[in-house]
């Protein structure tokens, strides 16, 4: 596994073309799962884990890797499946989400595949609210599931959506009148985190489950506008990783449309890496906010909404 991610820094050209690379892995059984390579720092054979008292039951232990102590989450147990017992035969995927580094214990790691976000479909409607999936796709005739890692992490360590007193300003929404802010994110947990964080600003919000859904909704709203979409939509806040259409492609579509391009776009994502600034500029987004700090997001939202006042 040592060389499986050697070329990750050469793959940034895929971003912005509605494409991604998945690292395929298995938990318990034959079902295959995937994680975006851009989230992954390293893959290694599971080292000896130290079990700490009173830790969450999903956490198998902590590992000491390259001078850093990293919590290792049993991904199988976290989604309600049997726990992974044979850690010495397992692997750890070291990944960065929402400004922190975690280790995900998995039973096996396969290979990296290149796909289009168009090939990634939302989970079946019957999956229910308890589903840990954000997307599914087909590879080699088998279904591959993309886990809602943000939901798993939030269950282990819930994210606060409370705003500081000095950030709360109900007049922001009053100044907008009937204008709305759109939030696009494939994670139900992430959408609700953003919504709850921005409610103290008094703004009206509409939600989209992925980039294609967001673009379809924006197109429908624009059809009711006399001159431009900006008459009714004051701001778009979009995740980057989403099935059918990612946030970079959504932003590019909005900025290429004369009737939509005036709407400011904030890309709000758990993706990390220096490539983000270059990609934000390339697709024309106004801002990039790493997930998830409610004050920072709300401050950025206030900034771009007040550009209209």
C-alpha atoms as a PDB file:
ATOM      1  CA  UNK A   1       0.000   0.000   0.000  1.00  0.00           C
ATOM      2  CA  UNK A   2       3.004   2.291   0.360  1.00  0.00           C
ATOM      3  CA  UNK A   3       2.799   3.651  -3.155  1.00  0.00           C
ATOM      4  CA  UNK A   4      -0.947   3.750  -3.674  1.00  0.00           C
ATOM      5  CA  UNK A   5      -1.150   7.527  -3.177  1.00  0.00           C
ATOM      6  CA  UNK A   6       2.207   8.545  -4.628  1.00  0.00           C
ATOM      7  CA  UNK A   7       0.615  10.420  -7.519  1.00  0.00           C
ATOM      8  CA  UNK A   8      -2.152  12.200  -5.603  1.00  0.00           C
ATOM      9  CA  UNK A   9      -0.598  15.644  -6.120  1.00  0.00           C
ATOM     10  CA  UNK A  10      -0.778  15.124  -9.880  1.00  0.00           C
ATOM     11  CA  UNK A  11      -4.513  14.507  -9.816  1.00  0.00           C
ATOM     12  CA  UNK A  12      -5.758  18.016  -9.094  1.00  0.00           C
ATOM     13  CA  UNK A  13      -6.500  18.519 -12.780  1.00  0.00           C
ATOM     14  CA  UNK A  14      -9.503  16.226 -12.357  1.00  0.00           C
ATOM     15  CA  UNK A  15     -11.146  18.772 -10.067  1.00  0.00           C
ATOM     16  CA  UNK A  16     -13.294  21.222 -11.999  1.00  0.00           C
ATOM     17  CA  UNK A  17     -14.072  18.659 -14.689  1.00  0.00           C
ATOM     18  CA  UNK A  18     -16.837  17.031 -12.608  1.00  0.00           C
ATOM     19  CA  UNK A  19     -14.514  14.083 -12.034  1.00  0.00           C
ATOM     20  CA  UNK A  20     -13.076  12.424  -8.978  1.00  0.00           C
ATOM     21  CA  UNK A  21     -10.906   9.550  -7.890  1.00  0.00           C
ATOM     22  CA  UNK A  22     -12.145   7.047  -5.336  1.00  0.00           C
ATOM     23  CA  UNK A  23     -10.055   4.843  -3.102  1.00  0.00           C
ATOM     24  CA  UNK A  24     -12.027   1.593  -2.874  1.00  0.00           C
ATOM     25  CA  UNK A  25     -12.134  -0.319   0.411  1.00  0.00           C
ATOM     26  CA  UNK A  26     -14.107  -3.021   2.216  1.00  0.00           C
ATOM     27  CA  UNK A  27     -15.488  -3.347   5.715  1.00  0.00           C
ATOM     28  CA  UNK A  28     -17.196  -6.579   6.768  1.00  0.00           C
ATOM     29  CA  UNK A  29     -18.390  -8.709   3.858  1.00  0.00           C
ATOM     30  CA  UNK A  30     -18.161  -8.204   0.114  1.00  0.00           C
ATOM     31  CA  UNK A  31     -19.708  -4.728  -0.075  1.00  0.00           C
ATOM     32  CA  UNK A  32     -17.306  -2.114  -1.465  1.00  0.00           C
ATOM     33  CA  UNK A  33     -17.070   1.478  -0.334  1.00  0.00           C
ATOM     34  CA  UNK A  34     -15.237   4.529  -1.626  1.00  0.00           C
ATOM     35  CA  UNK A  35     -13.571   7.671  -0.295  1.00  0.00           C
ATOM     36  CA  UNK A  36     -12.372  10.633  -2.337  1.00  0.00           C
ATOM     37  CA  UNK A  37      -8.600  10.469  -2.766  1.00  0.00           C
ATOM     38  CA  UNK A  38      -8.338  14.177  -1.981  1.00  0.00           C
ATOM     39  CA  UNK A  39      -9.477  13.434   1.584  1.00  0.00           C
ATOM     40  CA  UNK A  40      -6.761  10.809   2.071  1.00  0.00           C
ATOM     41  CA  UNK A  41      -3.321  11.543   3.501  1.00  0.00           C
ATOM     42  CA  UNK A  42      -2.035   8.012   3.837  1.00  0.00           C
ATOM     43  CA  UNK A  43      -3.005   4.331   3.843  1.00  0.00           C
ATOM     44  CA  UNK A  44      -1.137   1.927   6.100  1.00  0.00           C
ATOM     45  CA  UNK A  45      -1.357  -1.441   7.785  1.00  0.00           C
ATOM     46  CA  UNK A  46      -3.103  -1.010  11.119  1.00  0.00           C
ATOM     47  CA  UNK A  47      -0.464  -0.406  13.805  1.00  0.00           C
ATOM     48  CA  UNK A  48      -0.856  -1.309  17.463  1.00  0.00           C
ATOM     49  CA  UNK A  49      -3.738   0.679  18.913  1.00  0.00           C
ATOM     50  CA  UNK A  50      -3.940   2.126  22.392  1.00  0.00           C
ATOM     51  CA  UNK A  51      -7.384   1.854  23.974  1.00  0.00           C
ATOM     52  CA  UNK A  52      -8.338   4.849  26.089  1.00  0.00           C
ATOM     53  CA  UNK A  53     -10.985   4.812  28.839  1.00  0.00           C
ATOM     54  CA  UNK A  54     -14.404   6.384  28.304  1.00  0.00           C
ATOM     55  CA  UNK A  55     -13.925   6.865  24.560  1.00  0.00           C
ATOM     56  CA  UNK A  56     -16.791   6.597  22.079  1.00  0.00           C
ATOM     57  CA  UNK A  57     -17.638   2.976  21.260  1.00  0.00           C
ATOM     58  CA  UNK A  58     -16.971   3.644  17.544  1.00  0.00           C
ATOM     59  CA  UNK A  59     -13.340   4.518  18.302  1.00  0.00           C
ATOM     60  CA  UNK A  60     -11.163   1.406  18.249  1.00  0.00           C
ATOM     61  CA  UNK A  61      -8.275   3.224  19.888  1.00  0.00           C
ATOM     62  CA  UNK A  62      -5.591   5.750  19.084  1.00  0.00           C
ATOM     63  CA  UNK A  63      -2.524   5.289  16.925  1.00  0.00           C
ATOM     64  CA  UNK A  64       0.765   7.161  17.178  1.00  0.00           C
ATOM     65  CA  UNK A  65       1.748   7.941  13.589  1.00  0.00           C
ATOM     66  CA  UNK A  66       4.619  10.228  12.546  1.00  0.00           C
ATOM     67  CA  UNK A  67       4.569  12.081  15.846  1.00  0.00           C
ATOM     68  CA  UNK A  68       0.807  12.589  15.846  1.00  0.00           C
ATOM     69  CA  UNK A  69      -1.822  10.858  17.979  1.00  0.00           C
ATOM     70  CA  UNK A  70      -4.795   9.939  15.775  1.00  0.00           C
ATOM     71  CA  UNK A  71      -8.160   8.507  16.796  1.00  0.00           C
ATOM     72  CA  UNK A  72      -9.039   5.392  14.791  1.00  0.00           C
ATOM     73  CA  UNK A  73     -12.730   4.923  14.000  1.00  0.00           C
ATOM     74  CA  UNK A  74     -14.109   1.456  13.276  1.00  0.00           C
ATOM     75  CA  UNK A  75     -16.037   2.386  10.120  1.00  0.00           C
ATOM     76  CA  UNK A  76     -17.953  -0.878  10.127  1.00  0.00           C
ATOM     77  CA  UNK A  77     -19.287  -0.428  13.648  1.00  0.00           C
ATOM     78  CA  UNK A  78     -19.982   3.267  13.010  1.00  0.00           C
ATOM     79  CA  UNK A  79     -22.531   2.419  10.288  1.00  0.00           C
ATOM     80  CA  UNK A  80     -24.255  -0.246  12.368  1.00  0.00           C
ATOM     81  CA  UNK A  81     -22.433  -3.308  10.989  1.00  0.00           C
ATOM     82  CA  UNK A  82     -20.329  -5.789  12.998  1.00  0.00           C
ATOM     83  CA  UNK A  83     -17.093  -4.409  14.414  1.00  0.00           C
ATOM     84  CA  UNK A  84     -13.777  -5.235  12.742  1.00  0.00           C
ATOM     85  CA  UNK A  85     -12.075  -7.692  15.075  1.00  0.00           C
ATOM     86  CA  UNK A  86      -8.756  -8.573  13.417  1.00  0.00           C
ATOM     87  CA  UNK A  87      -7.016  -5.198  13.506  1.00  0.00           C
ATOM     88  CA  UNK A  88      -3.622  -6.701  12.701  1.00  0.00           C
ATOM     89  CA  UNK A  89      -4.982  -7.811   9.312  1.00  0.00           C
ATOM     90  CA  UNK A  90      -6.727  -4.501   8.677  1.00  0.00           C
ATOM     91  CA  UNK A  91      -5.773  -1.091   7.301  1.00  0.00           C
ATOM     92  CA  UNK A  92      -6.108   2.507   8.417  1.00  0.00           C
ATOM     93  CA  UNK A  93      -7.085   5.248   5.983  1.00  0.00           C
ATOM     94  CA  UNK A  94      -5.687   8.507   7.380  1.00  0.00           C
ATOM     95  CA  UNK A  95      -7.971  11.285   6.155  1.00  0.00           C
ATOM     96  CA  UNK A  96      -8.637  14.935   6.861  1.00  0.00           C
ATOM     97  CA  UNK A  97     -12.213  16.105   7.356  1.00  0.00           C
ATOM     98  CA  UNK A  98     -13.380  19.437   8.681  1.00  0.00           C
ATOM     99  CA  UNK A  99      -9.898  20.603   9.707  1.00  0.00           C
ATOM    100  CA  UNK A 100      -9.052  17.510  11.739  1.00  0.00           C
ATOM    101  CA  UNK A 101      -7.266  14.257  10.983  1.00  0.00           C
ATOM    102  CA  UNK A 102      -8.878  10.871  11.655  1.00  0.00           C
ATOM    103  CA  UNK A 103      -7.994   7.261  11.023  1.00  0.00           C
ATOM    104  CA  UNK A 104     -10.658   5.002   9.540  1.00  0.00           C
ATOM    105  CA  UNK A 105     -10.222   1.317  10.292  1.00  0.00           C
ATOM    106  CA  UNK A 106     -11.214  -0.789   7.266  1.00  0.00           C
ATOM    107  CA  UNK A 107     -10.907  -4.509   6.549  1.00  0.00           C
ATOM    108  CA  UNK A 108      -9.181  -4.121   3.204  1.00  0.00           C
ATOM    109  CA  UNK A 109      -8.101  -1.537   0.620  1.00  0.00           C
ATOM    110  CA  UNK A 110      -8.307  -2.288  -3.111  1.00  0.00           C
ATOM    111  CA  UNK A 111      -7.382   0.361  -5.676  1.00  0.00           C
ATOM    112  CA  UNK A 112      -8.037   3.869  -6.971  1.00  0.00           C
ATOM    113  CA  UNK A 113     -10.590   4.403  -9.749  1.00  0.00           C
ATOM    114  CA  UNK A 114     -11.396   7.520 -11.780  1.00  0.00           C
ATOM    115  CA  UNK A 115     -15.058   8.398 -12.239  1.00  0.00           C
ATOM    116  CA  UNK A 116     -17.353  11.229 -13.259  1.00  0.00           C
ATOM    117  CA  UNK A 117     -19.593  12.763 -10.638  1.00  0.00           C
ATOM    118  CA  UNK A 118     -22.371  12.102 -13.145  1.00  0.00           C
ATOM    119  CA  UNK A 119     -21.821   8.403 -12.426  1.00  0.00           C
ATOM    120  CA  UNK A 120     -22.387   9.027  -8.727  1.00  0.00           C
ATOM    121  CA  UNK A 121     -26.071   8.832  -7.892  1.00  0.00           C
ATOM    122  CA  UNK A 122     -27.914   9.842  -4.706  1.00  0.00           C
ATOM    123  CA  UNK A 123     -28.718   6.909  -2.410  1.00  0.00           C
ATOM    124  CA  UNK A 124     -32.040   5.135  -3.017  1.00  0.00           C
ATOM    125  CA  UNK A 125     -35.073   6.881  -1.543  1.00  0.00           C
ATOM    126  CA  UNK A 126     -35.806   3.794   0.556  1.00  0.00           C
ATOM    127  CA  UNK A 127     -32.526   4.173   2.403  1.00  0.00           C
ATOM    128  CA  UNK A 128     -34.312   6.313   4.987  1.00  0.00           C
ATOM    129  CA  UNK A 129     -33.075   9.020   7.334  1.00  0.00           C
ATOM    130  CA  UNK A 130     -30.758   6.598   9.123  1.00  0.00           C
ATOM    131  CA  UNK A 131     -28.779   5.907   5.942  1.00  0.00           C
ATOM    132  CA  UNK A 132     -25.042   6.535   6.146  1.00  0.00           C
ATOM    133  CA  UNK A 133     -24.744   6.979   2.366  1.00  0.00           C
ATOM    134  CA  UNK A 134     -24.353  10.169   0.368  1.00  0.00           C
ATOM    135  CA  UNK A 135     -23.974   8.476  -3.029  1.00  0.00           C
ATOM    136  CA  UNK A 136     -23.760   5.147  -4.826  1.00  0.00           C
ATOM    137  CA  UNK A 137     -22.158   4.106  -8.099  1.00  0.00           C
ATOM    138  CA  UNK A 138     -21.425   0.950 -10.070  1.00  0.00           C
ATOM    139  CA  UNK A 139     -17.922  -0.383 -10.666  1.00  0.00           C
ATOM    140  CA  UNK A 140     -17.193  -3.718 -12.355  1.00  0.00           C
ATOM    141  CA  UNK A 141     -20.858  -4.638 -12.053  1.00  0.00           C
ATOM    142  CA  UNK A 142     -20.918  -4.120  -8.270  1.00  0.00           C
ATOM    143  CA  UNK A 143     -22.471  -1.304  -6.262  1.00  0.00           C
ATOM    144  CA  UNK A 144     -20.012   0.937  -4.443  1.00  0.00           C
ATOM    145  CA  UNK A 145     -21.280   3.111  -1.589  1.00  0.00           C
ATOM    146  CA  UNK A 146     -19.935   6.505  -0.541  1.00  0.00           C
ATOM    147  CA  UNK A 147     -20.360   6.950   3.194  1.00  0.00           C
ATOM    148  CA  UNK A 148     -21.619  10.125   4.851  1.00  0.00           C
ATOM    149  CA  UNK A 149     -18.463  10.613   6.891  1.00  0.00           C
ATOM    150  CA  UNK A 150     -19.699  13.959   8.217  1.00  0.00           C
ATOM    151  CA  UNK A 151     -22.699  12.196   9.760  1.00  0.00           C
ATOM    152  CA  UNK A 152     -20.438   9.585  11.373  1.00  0.00           C
ATOM    153  CA  UNK A 153     -18.085  12.214  12.771  1.00  0.00           C
ATOM    154  CA  UNK A 154     -20.997  14.296  14.053  1.00  0.00           C
ATOM    155  CA  UNK A 155     -22.364  11.300  15.946  1.00  0.00           C
ATOM    156  CA  UNK A 156     -18.985  10.757  17.601  1.00  0.00           C
ATOM    157  CA  UNK A 157     -18.279  14.417  18.311  1.00  0.00           C
ATOM    158  CA  UNK A 158     -21.312  16.633  17.580  1.00  0.00           C
ATOM    159  CA  UNK A 159     -20.488  19.919  15.863  1.00  0.00           C
ATOM    160  CA  UNK A 160     -21.766  23.076  17.510  1.00  0.00           C
ATOM    161  CA  UNK A 161     -23.848  25.311  15.252  1.00  0.00           C
ATOM    162  CA  UNK A 162     -24.164  28.089  17.840  1.00  0.00           C
ATOM    163  CA  UNK A 163     -23.125  31.578  16.773  1.00  0.00           C
ATOM    164  CA  UNK A 164     -21.278  33.970  19.041  1.00  0.00           C
ATOM    165  CA  UNK A 165     -23.387  36.869  20.286  1.00  0.00           C
ATOM    166  CA  UNK A 166     -21.375  39.417  18.322  1.00  0.00           C
ATOM    167  CA  UNK A 167     -22.012  37.537  15.053  1.00  0.00           C
ATOM    168  CA  UNK A 168     -25.803  37.219  15.431  1.00  0.00           C
ATOM    169  CA  UNK A 169     -27.635  39.868  13.445  1.00  0.00           C
ATOM    170  CA  UNK A 170     -31.303  39.317  12.660  1.00  0.00           C
ATOM    171  CA  UNK A 171     -31.308  42.477  10.527  1.00  0.00           C
ATOM    172  CA  UNK A 172     -29.333  40.661   7.815  1.00  0.00           C
ATOM    173  CA  UNK A 173     -32.458  38.740   6.832  1.00  0.00           C
ATOM    174  CA  UNK A 174     -34.679  41.788   7.197  1.00  0.00           C
ATOM    175  CA  UNK A 175     -32.499  43.686   4.738  1.00  0.00           C
ATOM    176  CA  UNK A 176     -32.796  40.858   2.190  1.00  0.00           C
ATOM    177  CA  UNK A 177     -36.570  41.075   2.009  1.00  0.00           C
ATOM    178  CA  UNK A 178     -37.870  38.151  -0.056  1.00  0.00           C
ATOM    179  CA  UNK A 179     -34.456  37.106  -1.352  1.00  0.00           C
ATOM    180  CA  UNK A 180     -33.239  33.632  -0.382  1.00  0.00           C
ATOM    181  CA  UNK A 181     -29.913  31.906   0.226  1.00  0.00           C
ATOM    182  CA  UNK A 182     -29.439  28.466  -1.342  1.00  0.00           C
ATOM    183  CA  UNK A 183     -27.519  25.722   0.476  1.00  0.00           C
ATOM    184  CA  UNK A 184     -26.316  22.786  -1.649  1.00  0.00           C
ATOM    185  CA  UNK A 185     -24.829  19.753   0.113  1.00  0.00           C
ATOM    186  CA  UNK A 186     -25.276  16.019  -0.352  1.00  0.00           C
ATOM    187  CA  UNK A 187     -24.946  15.357   3.387  1.00  0.00           C
ATOM    188  CA  UNK A 188     -28.203  15.848   5.264  1.00  0.00           C
ATOM    189  CA  UNK A 189     -26.194  16.490   8.424  1.00  0.00           C
ATOM    190  CA  UNK A 190     -24.062  19.157   6.732  1.00  0.00           C
ATOM    191  CA  UNK A 191     -27.090  20.889   5.180  1.00  0.00           C
ATOM    192  CA  UNK A 192     -28.773  21.088   8.558  1.00  0.00           C
ATOM    193  CA  UNK A 193     -25.602  22.327  10.236  1.00  0.00           C
ATOM    194  CA  UNK A 194     -25.416  25.241   7.792  1.00  0.00           C
ATOM    195  CA  UNK A 195     -29.135  25.952   8.085  1.00  0.00           C
ATOM    196  CA  UNK A 196     -29.045  26.023  11.903  1.00  0.00           C
ATOM    197  CA  UNK A 197     -25.912  28.191  11.928  1.00  0.00           C
ATOM    198  CA  UNK A 198     -27.503  30.805   9.669  1.00  0.00           C
ATOM    199  CA  UNK A 199     -30.964  30.901  11.239  1.00  0.00           C
ATOM    200  CA  UNK A 200     -29.883  33.590  13.775  1.00  0.00           C
ATOM    201  CA  UNK A 201     -29.253  35.897  10.801  1.00  0.00           C
ATOM    202  CA  UNK A 202     -32.950  35.743   9.945  1.00  0.00           C
ATOM    203  CA  UNK A 203     -32.376  34.794   6.320  1.00  0.00           C
ATOM    204  CA  UNK A 204     -34.698  32.675   4.199  1.00  0.00           C
ATOM    205  CA  UNK A 205     -33.017  29.486   2.934  1.00  0.00           C
ATOM    206  CA  UNK A 206     -33.727  26.826   0.342  1.00  0.00           C
ATOM    207  CA  UNK A 207     -31.914  23.483   0.298  1.00  0.00           C
ATOM    208  CA  UNK A 208     -30.516  21.330  -2.524  1.00  0.00           C
ATOM    209  CA  UNK A 209     -29.223  17.766  -2.175  1.00  0.00           C
ATOM    210  CA  UNK A 210     -26.505  18.031  -4.856  1.00  0.00           C
ATOM    211  CA  UNK A 211     -25.165  20.284  -7.591  1.00  0.00           C
ATOM    212  CA  UNK A 212     -27.625  19.152 -10.241  1.00  0.00           C
ATOM    213  CA  UNK A 213     -30.570  19.651  -7.894  1.00  0.00           C
ATOM    214  CA  UNK A 214     -29.247  23.125  -7.064  1.00  0.00           C
ATOM    215  CA  UNK A 215     -28.878  24.070 -10.734  1.00  0.00           C
ATOM    216  CA  UNK A 216     -32.362  22.757 -11.538  1.00  0.00           C
ATOM    217  CA  UNK A 217     -33.859  24.801  -8.702  1.00  0.00           C
ATOM    218  CA  UNK A 218     -31.920  27.923  -9.676  1.00  0.00           C
ATOM    219  CA  UNK A 219     -33.053  27.552 -13.288  1.00  0.00           C
ATOM    220  CA  UNK A 220     -36.675  27.275 -12.185  1.00  0.00           C
ATOM    221  CA  UNK A 221     -36.379  30.347  -9.962  1.00  0.00           C
ATOM    222  CA  UNK A 222     -34.645  32.303 -12.730  1.00  0.00           C
ATOM    223  CA  UNK A 223     -37.581  31.614 -15.048  1.00  0.00           C
ATOM    224  CA  UNK A 224     -39.695  33.700 -12.669  1.00  0.00           C
ATOM    225  CA  UNK A 225     -37.237  36.628 -12.615  1.00  0.00           C
ATOM    226  CA  UNK A 226     -37.525  39.581 -14.927  1.00  0.00           C
ATOM    227  CA  UNK A 227     -33.856  40.387 -15.446  1.00  0.00           C
ATOM    228  CA  UNK A 228     -31.619  38.046 -13.457  1.00  0.00           C
ATOM    229  CA  UNK A 229     -31.566  35.328 -10.818  1.00  0.00           C
ATOM    230  CA  UNK A 230     -30.059  37.827  -8.373  1.00  0.00           C
ATOM    231  CA  UNK A 231     -33.517  39.368  -8.011  1.00  0.00           C
ATOM    232  CA  UNK A 232     -34.538  36.359  -5.890  1.00  0.00           C
ATOM    233  CA  UNK A 233     -31.327  34.513  -4.888  1.00  0.00           C
ATOM    234  CA  UNK A 234     -28.844  36.548  -2.861  1.00  0.00           C
ATOM    235  CA  UNK A 235     -26.180  33.887  -2.292  1.00  0.00           C
ATOM    236  CA  UNK A 236     -25.273  30.274  -3.090  1.00  0.00           C
ATOM    237  CA  UNK A 237     -23.419  28.174  -0.483  1.00  0.00           C
ATOM    238  CA  UNK A 238     -22.220  24.925  -2.003  1.00  0.00           C
ATOM    239  CA  UNK A 239     -20.336  21.835  -0.947  1.00  0.00           C
ATOM    240  CA  UNK A 240     -17.769  20.574  -3.463  1.00  0.00           C
ATOM    241  CA  UNK A 241     -18.164  16.799  -3.325  1.00  0.00           C
ATOM    242  CA  UNK A 242     -21.676  15.936  -4.529  1.00  0.00           C
ATOM    243  CA  UNK A 243     -23.166  13.242  -6.771  1.00  0.00           C
ATOM    244  CA  UNK A 244     -24.340  14.052 -10.306  1.00  0.00           C
ATOM    245  CA  UNK A 245     -22.676  17.493 -10.272  1.00  0.00           C
ATOM    246  CA  UNK A 246     -19.929  18.712  -7.954  1.00  0.00           C
ATOM    247  CA  UNK A 247     -19.650  22.188  -6.494  1.00  0.00           C
ATOM    248  CA  UNK A 248     -16.915  23.322  -8.863  1.00  0.00           C
ATOM    249  CA  UNK A 249     -19.021  22.415 -11.889  1.00  0.00           C
ATOM    250  CA  UNK A 250     -22.122  24.003 -10.350  1.00  0.00           C
ATOM    251  CA  UNK A 251     -20.179  27.226  -9.768  1.00  0.00           C
ATOM    252  CA  UNK A 252     -18.825  27.203 -13.314  1.00  0.00           C
ATOM    253  CA  UNK A 253     -22.352  26.716 -14.684  1.00  0.00           C
ATOM    254  CA  UNK A 254     -23.702  29.596 -12.616  1.00  0.00           C
ATOM    255  CA  UNK A 255     -20.879  31.942 -13.574  1.00  0.00           C
ATOM    256  CA  UNK A 256     -21.186  31.064 -17.270  1.00  0.00           C
ATOM    257  CA  UNK A 257     -24.866  32.029 -17.267  1.00  0.00           C
ATOM    258  CA  UNK A 258     -25.451  35.757 -17.836  1.00  0.00           C
ATOM    259  CA  UNK A 259     -28.653  35.693 -15.803  1.00  0.00           C
ATOM    260  CA  UNK A 260     -27.066  33.861 -12.851  1.00  0.00           C
ATOM    261  CA  UNK A 261     -23.478  35.061 -12.641  1.00  0.00           C
ATOM    262  CA  UNK A 262     -24.237  37.988 -10.326  1.00  0.00           C
ATOM    263  CA  UNK A 263     -25.112  35.581  -7.492  1.00  0.00           C
ATOM    264  CA  UNK A 264     -22.087  35.256  -5.154  1.00  0.00           C
ATOM    265  CA  UNK A 265     -20.907  31.673  -4.507  1.00  0.00           C
ATOM    266  CA  UNK A 266     -19.282  30.434  -1.301  1.00  0.00           C
ATOM    267  CA  UNK A 267     -17.727  26.978  -1.571  1.00  0.00           C
ATOM    268  CA  UNK A 268     -18.046  25.332   1.828  1.00  0.00           C
ATOM    269  CA  UNK A 269     -16.314  21.989   2.034  1.00  0.00           C
ATOM    270  CA  UNK A 270     -14.498  19.440   4.168  1.00  0.00           C
ATOM    271  CA  UNK A 271     -11.949  19.025   1.367  1.00  0.00           C
ATOM    272  CA  UNK A 272      -8.515  20.246   2.364  1.00  0.00           C
ATOM    273  CA  UNK A 273      -5.460  21.157   0.336  1.00  0.00           C
ATOM    274  CA  UNK A 274      -3.740  24.133  -1.221  1.00  0.00           C
ATOM    275  CA  UNK A 275      -5.288  23.340  -4.608  1.00  0.00           C
ATOM    276  CA  UNK A 276      -8.620  24.741  -3.374  1.00  0.00           C
ATOM    277  CA  UNK A 277      -7.614  28.397  -3.711  1.00  0.00           C
ATOM    278  CA  UNK A 278      -6.553  27.876  -7.314  1.00  0.00           C
ATOM    279  CA  UNK A 279      -9.756  25.998  -8.130  1.00  0.00           C
ATOM    280  CA  UNK A 280     -11.974  28.626  -6.487  1.00  0.00           C
ATOM    281  CA  UNK A 281     -10.379  31.258  -8.701  1.00  0.00           C
ATOM    282  CA  UNK A 282     -10.625  29.055 -11.783  1.00  0.00           C
ATOM    283  CA  UNK A 283     -14.374  28.449 -11.518  1.00  0.00           C
ATOM    284  CA  UNK A 284     -15.153  31.994 -10.374  1.00  0.00           C
ATOM    285  CA  UNK A 285     -16.400  31.451  -6.812  1.00  0.00           C
ATOM    286  CA  UNK A 286     -16.282  34.459  -4.517  1.00  0.00           C
ATOM    287  CA  UNK A 287     -15.138  32.657  -1.377  1.00  0.00           C
ATOM    288  CA  UNK A 288     -13.939  29.356   0.097  1.00  0.00           C
ATOM    289  CA  UNK A 289     -14.734  28.352   3.686  1.00  0.00           C
ATOM    290  CA  UNK A 290     -13.451  25.049   5.117  1.00  0.00           C
ATOM    291  CA  UNK A 291     -16.039  23.184   7.200  1.00  0.00           C
ATOM    292  CA  UNK A 292     -17.178  23.724   9.859  1.00  0.00           C
ATOM    293  CA  UNK A 293     -16.971  26.827  12.017  1.00  0.00           C
ATOM    294  CA  UNK A 294     -20.339  28.586  12.380  1.00  0.00           C
ATOM    295  CA  UNK A 295     -18.925  32.035  13.178  1.00  0.00           C
ATOM    296  CA  UNK A 296     -16.586  31.949  10.197  1.00  0.00           C
ATOM    297  CA  UNK A 297     -19.356  30.835   7.836  1.00  0.00           C
ATOM    298  CA  UNK A 298     -21.847  33.375   9.167  1.00  0.00           C
ATOM    299  CA  UNK A 299     -19.294  36.186   8.920  1.00  0.00           C
ATOM    300  CA  UNK A 300     -18.610  35.295   5.276  1.00  0.00           C
ATOM    301  CA  UNK A 301     -22.341  35.134   4.546  1.00  0.00           C
ATOM    302  CA  UNK A 302     -22.893  38.561   6.112  1.00  0.00           C
ATOM    303  CA  UNK A 303     -20.007  39.963   4.079  1.00  0.00           C
ATOM    304  CA  UNK A 304     -21.368  38.816   0.723  1.00  0.00           C
ATOM    305  CA  UNK A 305     -24.985  39.657   1.523  1.00  0.00           C
ATOM    306  CA  UNK A 306     -24.041  43.177   2.568  1.00  0.00           C
ATOM    307  CA  UNK A 307     -22.357  43.699  -0.810  1.00  0.00           C
ATOM    308  CA  UNK A 308     -25.921  44.108  -2.029  1.00  0.00           C
ATOM    309  CA  UNK A 309     -26.808  46.802   0.510  1.00  0.00           C
END
